[in-house]
Each structure stands twice: as C-alpha cells, then as structure tokens.
Amino acid sequence: MRRASWFNIGSLALGLAFLYLPIVILVIYSFNASRLVTVWGGWSIRWYAELIDDRAMLESAWVTLRIAFLSASAATVLGTLAALALVRFGRFRGRVLFSGMIYAPLVMPEVITGLALLLLFVAIDIDRGFWTIAIAHTTLITCFVTVVVQSRLLTFDTTLEEAAMNLGCPPVKTFLTVTLPLIAPALVSGWMLAFTLSLDDLVVASFTTGPGATTLPIRIYSEVRLGVKPEINAVCTILIALVAIGIASASLLAKFHHGGRGAMAGLAGR
C-alpha cells in the first residue's frame, strides 16, 4: 500500500481549507454576540432569535423553499422522461436537436437564460412572480436531473424488465414495480441536486421575479449591499444545515437501497 507523502497531505489540507474554511467561518460568526460581523464578541444565539422576528426574511425563505420543492419535483419528472427517451428510444429523428436543447442550460450562461425567459414571459404577457420563477428554475435544472438519471439507465440491467414482461407484467406496471425502484437512488440524487440548485439561484430568479415573490438569495443580496447583518449569517447557516441534512439523507437512502438489494440477491442465491 502506497504511503501518503507530506506533499499530498498538505495539498489535500489546502484544498479542503480553500473549499470549506469560508463556510466554517460563516457558521462560527452566526453565533457571534457582537453586532459587528468582523468583531468577535463571544458565543450567543441572539441572531437566531431575532431572525424569528424578521418577517421579510422568513417570507423570502418560505417562498424559496416552495419554489425549490415545486421546481425540483417537476424537473425530476421531466428529466426522467428525457433520460428515458435518450437511452431507450435509440436513434430517433431529431435526437441531436432534442439532446442539445436538454443540455443547453449546462453550458449556457445564466444571464442569457434569465434574459431569454424574461423576454418570453413579457411576450406572452404573463405577470412575473412565484410561478414564473418556478417555471424558470424547472427549465434551468431539468438538464441536471437528466444527466444523473441517464447515467443510471446506461448501466441498467434490462433483462430484469424483460423477465417481468415475459411473466405477463404490462409495460407500465413493469416500469412502476421494477424499473422505478431500481433507479430510485438516481431519482433522489437528481431531486436533491435540483432542489439545491434552485435554493442557490440568484441570476435567473432576479430576471423572472415580480412583486410578492422575493426569494431568499435576492433578499440576502439586496441587504448585503447595504451591509452584512448578523441575521444573514444565521439564515445562511440554517440553509447549510438543511442542505447537509438532505445530502446525508440521500446518501443513507442509497446505502439502504443497495444493502437491501444485496440481501435479496443473497436470499435468491440460496
């Protein structure tokens, strides 16, 4: 077994510090008793208590969570259907155009995507607000779900579906009882990725928002321009905790799923 050198350990430590040290500092200063965010005044949870009374911030957080849930759910359905079309339908007419349109948001700058959606909503005369942001986020994050689900379908053992249909199971029931449970970890991973991207989005939401639909990133950005408040550190820490819990839950679900499949394979082997 190759021993790790001090250079490799140091490089790893510097890389982890570069990625996570700012987040750790933000979390620590969310418990700062001082109103000055750059001056440490001792440990306190006063800013979390004051955050409860900040109705504007709480309303923005609630809007953001609802938009993220709706857009992630819609993107999971659309992304799964797109992945099935790309993997199962072979070389159909318009495949190149279809795949290009699906993957375009991956390489398209968000400013262009946001401006294009803004022009679309103005052209069809839709009042911008909650639903326009949800539609825009669904458009933006569907491609990420497609990539995740497609990678799982490419390694999927289709003989399991063929065996089910040979035993008389209809195609729709085969998909619901065989295919869907086996690709469930990919669906959960895609949903979590889409949910996180929707929570984090600022550019597209700023183009498609309207009165009464201020998301949390827009609220934070507008207040940071006037000065960083300690409550912002607190709400950012809560968001980090929610994302970490979601990622841990998805990992445990995937581990439990693979463990259950291993146990069933062992029983079948007996």
Protein backbone atom coordinates (compact mmCIF):
# COMPACT_ATOMS: atom_id res chain seq x y z
CA MET A 1 0.00 0.00 0.00
CA ARG A 2 1.43 3.35 -1.01
CA ARG A 3 2.07 5.72 1.90
CA ALA A 4 0.78 9.28 1.69
CA SER A 5 3.52 11.89 1.43
CA TRP A 6 3.55 15.17 3.31
CA PHE A 7 3.09 16.96 -0.01
CA ASN A 8 -0.12 15.04 -0.73
CA ILE A 9 -1.43 15.60 2.80
CA GLY A 10 -0.62 19.31 2.60
CA SER A 11 -2.26 19.65 -0.82
CA LEU A 12 -5.38 17.91 0.47
CA ALA A 13 -5.49 20.12 3.55
CA LEU A 14 -5.07 23.31 1.49
CA GLY A 15 -7.78 22.19 -0.94
CA LEU A 16 -10.25 21.40 1.85
CA ALA A 17 -9.43 24.68 3.60
CA PHE A 18 -9.97 26.64 0.39
CA LEU A 19 -13.36 25.00 -0.13
CA TYR A 20 -14.77 24.79 3.38
CA LEU A 21 -12.96 27.33 5.58
CA PRO A 22 -15.20 30.24 4.48
CA ILE A 23 -18.29 28.15 5.30
CA VAL A 24 -16.88 27.24 8.72
CA ILE A 25 -16.13 30.91 9.45
CA LEU A 26 -19.67 31.90 8.42
CA VAL A 27 -21.17 29.26 10.73
CA ILE A 28 -18.97 30.33 13.65
CA TYR A 29 -19.80 34.02 13.22
CA SER A 30 -23.51 33.24 13.11
CA PHE A 31 -23.11 32.58 16.87
CA ASN A 32 -21.26 35.86 17.41
CA ALA A 33 -22.74 38.06 20.14
CA SER A 34 -21.43 41.27 18.57
CA ARG A 35 -23.48 43.19 16.04
CA LEU A 36 -20.28 43.85 14.11
CA VAL A 37 -19.78 40.76 11.96
CA THR A 38 -16.00 41.26 11.83
CA VAL A 39 -15.55 41.59 15.61
CA TRP A 40 -15.89 38.55 17.83
CA GLY A 41 -17.98 39.26 20.93
CA GLY A 42 -18.45 35.80 22.40
CA TRP A 43 -20.88 32.96 21.78
CA SER A 44 -24.57 33.73 21.50
CA ILE A 45 -27.71 32.59 19.67
CA ARG A 46 -29.35 36.03 19.77
CA TRP A 47 -29.30 36.42 15.98
CA TYR A 48 -31.24 33.19 15.54
CA ALA A 49 -33.82 34.53 17.99
CA GLU A 50 -34.01 37.85 16.14
CA LEU A 51 -34.30 36.01 12.84
CA ILE A 52 -37.66 34.64 14.03
CA ASP A 53 -38.98 38.24 14.23
CA ASP A 54 -37.67 39.16 10.76
CA ARG A 55 -40.85 38.60 8.77
CA ALA A 56 -39.38 39.73 5.46
CA MET A 57 -36.55 37.21 5.68
CA LEU A 58 -38.86 34.40 6.79
CA GLU A 59 -41.33 35.10 3.98
CA SER A 60 -38.48 35.05 1.46
CA ALA A 61 -37.25 31.74 2.89
CA TRP A 62 -40.75 30.23 2.64
CA VAL A 63 -41.10 31.38 -0.98
CA THR A 64 -37.68 29.92 -1.79
CA LEU A 65 -38.49 26.54 -0.22
CA ARG A 66 -41.81 26.28 -2.06
CA ILE A 67 -40.24 27.20 -5.39
CA ALA A 68 -37.37 24.77 -4.84
CA PHE A 69 -39.73 21.93 -3.96
CA LEU A 70 -42.04 22.51 -6.92
CA SER A 71 -39.29 23.07 -9.47
CA ALA A 72 -37.22 20.12 -8.24
CA SER A 73 -40.25 17.80 -8.38
CA ALA A 74 -41.22 18.97 -11.87
CA ALA A 75 -37.60 18.76 -13.06
CA THR A 76 -37.32 15.21 -11.71
CA VAL A 77 -40.35 14.09 -13.71
CA LEU A 78 -39.29 15.87 -16.90
CA GLY A 79 -35.64 14.90 -16.54
CA THR A 80 -36.52 11.25 -16.01
CA LEU A 81 -38.71 11.22 -19.11
CA ALA A 82 -35.96 12.91 -21.13
CA ALA A 83 -33.37 10.40 -19.90
CA LEU A 84 -35.67 7.50 -20.83
CA ALA A 85 -36.13 8.97 -24.31
CA LEU A 86 -32.39 9.39 -24.84
CA VAL A 87 -31.47 5.92 -23.55
CA ARG A 88 -34.37 3.70 -24.61
CA PHE A 89 -35.55 5.19 -27.94
CA GLY A 90 -32.25 4.77 -29.80
CA ARG A 91 -31.55 6.89 -32.88
CA PHE A 92 -34.84 8.70 -33.48
CA ARG A 93 -35.37 11.67 -35.79
CA GLY A 94 -34.47 14.92 -34.03
CA ARG A 95 -32.40 13.23 -31.33
CA VAL A 96 -29.46 15.61 -31.78
CA LEU A 97 -31.71 18.66 -31.55
CA PHE A 98 -33.57 17.20 -28.56
CA SER A 99 -30.39 16.37 -26.63
CA GLY A 100 -28.92 19.76 -27.49
CA MET A 101 -31.98 21.54 -26.10
CA ILE A 102 -31.90 19.39 -22.97
CA TYR A 103 -28.21 20.03 -22.24
CA ALA A 104 -28.13 23.69 -23.34
CA PRO A 105 -28.64 25.11 -19.79
CA LEU A 106 -25.49 23.25 -18.67
CA VAL A 107 -23.28 25.46 -20.84
CA MET A 108 -25.49 28.50 -21.33
CA PRO A 109 -24.63 31.48 -19.10
CA GLU A 110 -27.40 32.07 -16.58
CA VAL A 111 -27.64 35.72 -17.63
CA ILE A 112 -28.64 34.67 -21.15
CA THR A 113 -31.08 32.07 -19.82
CA GLY A 114 -32.67 34.57 -17.46
CA LEU A 115 -32.94 37.25 -20.15
CA ALA A 116 -34.45 34.80 -22.64
CA LEU A 117 -37.07 33.69 -20.11
CA LEU A 118 -37.83 37.31 -19.23
CA LEU A 119 -38.44 38.15 -22.90
CA LEU A 120 -40.65 35.06 -23.22
CA PHE A 121 -42.81 35.99 -20.24
CA VAL A 122 -43.12 39.56 -21.48
CA ALA A 123 -44.03 38.39 -25.00
CA ILE A 124 -46.83 36.11 -23.78
CA ASP A 125 -47.92 38.70 -21.22
CA ILE A 126 -47.53 36.67 -18.02
CA ASP A 127 -47.30 38.55 -14.73
CA ARG A 128 -43.94 37.78 -13.21
CA GLY A 129 -43.94 36.30 -9.73
CA PHE A 130 -43.94 32.96 -7.95
CA TRP A 131 -44.94 30.78 -10.91
CA THR A 132 -42.59 32.40 -13.40
CA ILE A 133 -39.65 31.75 -11.06
CA ALA A 134 -40.77 28.14 -10.61
CA ILE A 135 -41.02 27.67 -14.40
CA ALA A 136 -37.62 29.30 -14.91
CA HIS A 137 -35.97 27.11 -12.27
CA THR A 138 -37.56 23.99 -13.75
CA THR A 139 -36.14 24.95 -17.15
CA LEU A 140 -32.72 25.55 -15.61
CA ILE A 141 -32.35 22.38 -13.52
CA THR A 142 -34.08 19.73 -15.63
CA CYS A 143 -30.84 19.07 -17.52
CA PHE A 144 -29.01 18.18 -14.30
CA VAL A 145 -31.64 15.57 -13.39
CA THR A 146 -31.43 14.19 -16.93
CA VAL A 147 -27.67 13.69 -16.63
CA VAL A 148 -27.96 11.89 -13.30
CA VAL A 149 -30.81 9.59 -14.34
CA GLN A 150 -29.30 8.91 -17.77
CA SER A 151 -26.04 7.72 -16.21
CA ARG A 152 -28.03 5.21 -14.13
CA LEU A 153 -30.11 4.00 -17.06
CA LEU A 154 -26.99 3.37 -19.16
CA THR A 155 -25.88 0.73 -16.62
CA PHE A 156 -29.36 -0.66 -16.01
CA ASP A 157 -29.86 -4.41 -16.48
CA THR A 158 -32.74 -4.54 -18.97
CA THR A 159 -33.07 -8.31 -18.57
CA LEU A 160 -34.96 -7.65 -15.31
CA GLU A 161 -37.64 -5.78 -17.26
CA GLU A 162 -37.71 -8.46 -19.94
CA ALA A 163 -38.17 -11.18 -17.32
CA ALA A 164 -41.07 -9.28 -15.74
CA MET A 165 -42.81 -8.78 -19.09
CA ASN A 166 -42.23 -12.42 -20.05
CA LEU A 167 -44.09 -13.36 -16.88
CA GLY A 168 -47.08 -11.32 -18.03
CA CYS A 169 -46.40 -7.94 -16.40
CA PRO A 170 -47.65 -5.00 -18.55
CA PRO A 171 -45.06 -2.39 -19.61
CA VAL A 172 -46.44 0.34 -17.36
CA LYS A 173 -46.55 -1.94 -14.33
CA THR A 174 -43.04 -3.18 -15.17
CA PHE A 175 -41.78 0.37 -15.11
CA LEU A 176 -43.52 1.15 -11.81
CA THR A 177 -42.58 -2.07 -9.98
CA VAL A 178 -39.19 -2.96 -11.49
CA THR A 179 -37.53 -0.01 -13.23
CA LEU A 180 -38.57 2.79 -10.92
CA PRO A 181 -37.44 1.16 -7.65
CA LEU A 182 -34.06 0.27 -9.16
CA ILE A 183 -33.37 3.80 -10.39
CA ALA A 184 -34.82 5.40 -7.23
CA PRO A 185 -31.37 6.40 -5.84
CA ALA A 186 -30.66 8.30 -9.06
CA LEU A 187 -34.05 10.00 -8.83
CA VAL A 188 -33.42 11.02 -5.22
CA SER A 189 -29.93 12.28 -6.10
CA GLY A 190 -31.28 14.23 -9.06
CA TRP A 191 -34.07 15.72 -6.95
CA MET A 192 -31.65 16.79 -4.23
CA LEU A 193 -29.29 18.34 -6.79
CA ALA A 194 -32.18 20.19 -8.42
CA PHE A 195 -33.51 21.34 -5.04
CA THR A 196 -30.09 22.67 -4.03
CA LEU A 197 -29.58 24.49 -7.34
CA SER A 198 -32.99 26.13 -7.02
CA LEU A 199 -32.25 27.25 -3.47
CA ASP A 200 -28.97 28.77 -4.61
CA ASP A 201 -30.12 30.54 -7.77
CA LEU A 202 -29.91 34.32 -7.89
CA VAL A 203 -29.38 35.32 -11.52
CA VAL A 204 -32.35 33.61 -13.19
CA ALA A 205 -34.67 34.45 -10.29
CA SER A 206 -33.71 38.14 -10.47
CA PHE A 207 -34.83 38.25 -14.13
CA THR A 208 -38.11 36.41 -13.63
CA THR A 209 -39.25 37.65 -10.21
CA GLY A 210 -42.04 40.08 -9.58
CA PRO A 211 -43.96 41.75 -6.75
CA GLY A 212 -44.57 39.48 -3.78
CA ALA A 213 -42.11 36.79 -4.88
CA THR A 214 -38.73 37.74 -3.44
CA THR A 215 -36.54 34.68 -2.97
CA LEU A 216 -34.04 34.32 -0.16
CA PRO A 217 -30.91 34.80 -2.35
CA ILE A 218 -32.40 38.01 -3.77
CA ARG A 219 -33.27 39.21 -0.26
CA ILE A 220 -29.77 38.44 1.03
CA TYR A 221 -28.11 40.10 -1.95
CA SER A 222 -30.22 43.26 -1.60
CA GLU A 223 -29.44 43.55 2.12
CA VAL A 224 -25.73 42.73 1.78
CA ARG A 225 -25.29 45.74 -0.50
CA LEU A 226 -26.25 47.91 2.48
CA GLY A 227 -24.04 45.98 4.90
CA VAL A 228 -23.84 42.46 6.25
CA LYS A 229 -26.20 41.89 9.16
CA PRO A 230 -25.64 39.10 11.71
CA GLU A 231 -29.05 37.67 10.84
CA ILE A 232 -27.76 36.90 7.35
CA ASN A 233 -25.06 34.66 8.83
CA ALA A 234 -27.74 32.87 10.83
CA VAL A 235 -30.08 32.25 7.87
CA CYS A 236 -27.16 31.09 5.72
CA THR A 237 -26.15 28.63 8.45
CA ILE A 238 -29.69 27.24 8.54
CA LEU A 239 -29.61 26.77 4.75
CA ILE A 240 -26.26 24.97 5.00
CA ALA A 241 -27.71 22.68 7.67
CA LEU A 242 -30.77 21.90 5.53
CA VAL A 243 -28.63 21.05 2.51
CA ALA A 244 -26.29 18.90 4.63
CA ILE A 245 -29.24 17.01 6.13
CA GLY A 246 -30.68 16.45 2.67
CA ILE A 247 -27.41 15.13 1.28
CA ALA A 248 -26.90 12.84 4.28
CA SER A 249 -30.46 11.54 3.96
CA ALA A 250 -29.97 10.83 0.26
CA SER A 251 -26.70 9.02 0.96
CA LEU A 252 -28.29 6.90 3.69
CA LEU A 253 -31.23 6.09 1.42
CA ALA A 254 -28.90 5.00 -1.36
CA LYS A 255 -26.86 2.90 1.08
CA PHE A 256 -30.00 1.27 2.48
CA HIS A 257 -31.25 0.60 -1.05
CA HIS A 258 -28.02 -1.09 -2.11
CA GLY A 259 -27.92 -3.05 1.15
CA GLY A 260 -31.46 -4.28 0.59
CA ARG A 261 -30.63 -5.34 -2.94
CA GLY A 262 -27.57 -7.24 -1.68
CA ALA A 263 -29.63 -9.06 0.92
CA MET A 264 -32.28 -10.02 -1.64
CA ALA A 265 -29.58 -11.28 -4.03
CA GLY A 266 -28.11 -13.40 -1.20
CA LEU A 267 -31.51 -14.94 -0.41
CA ALA A 268 -32.10 -15.62 -4.10
CA GLY A 269 -28.73 -17.34 -4.33
CA ARG A 270 -29.73 -19.75 -1.58
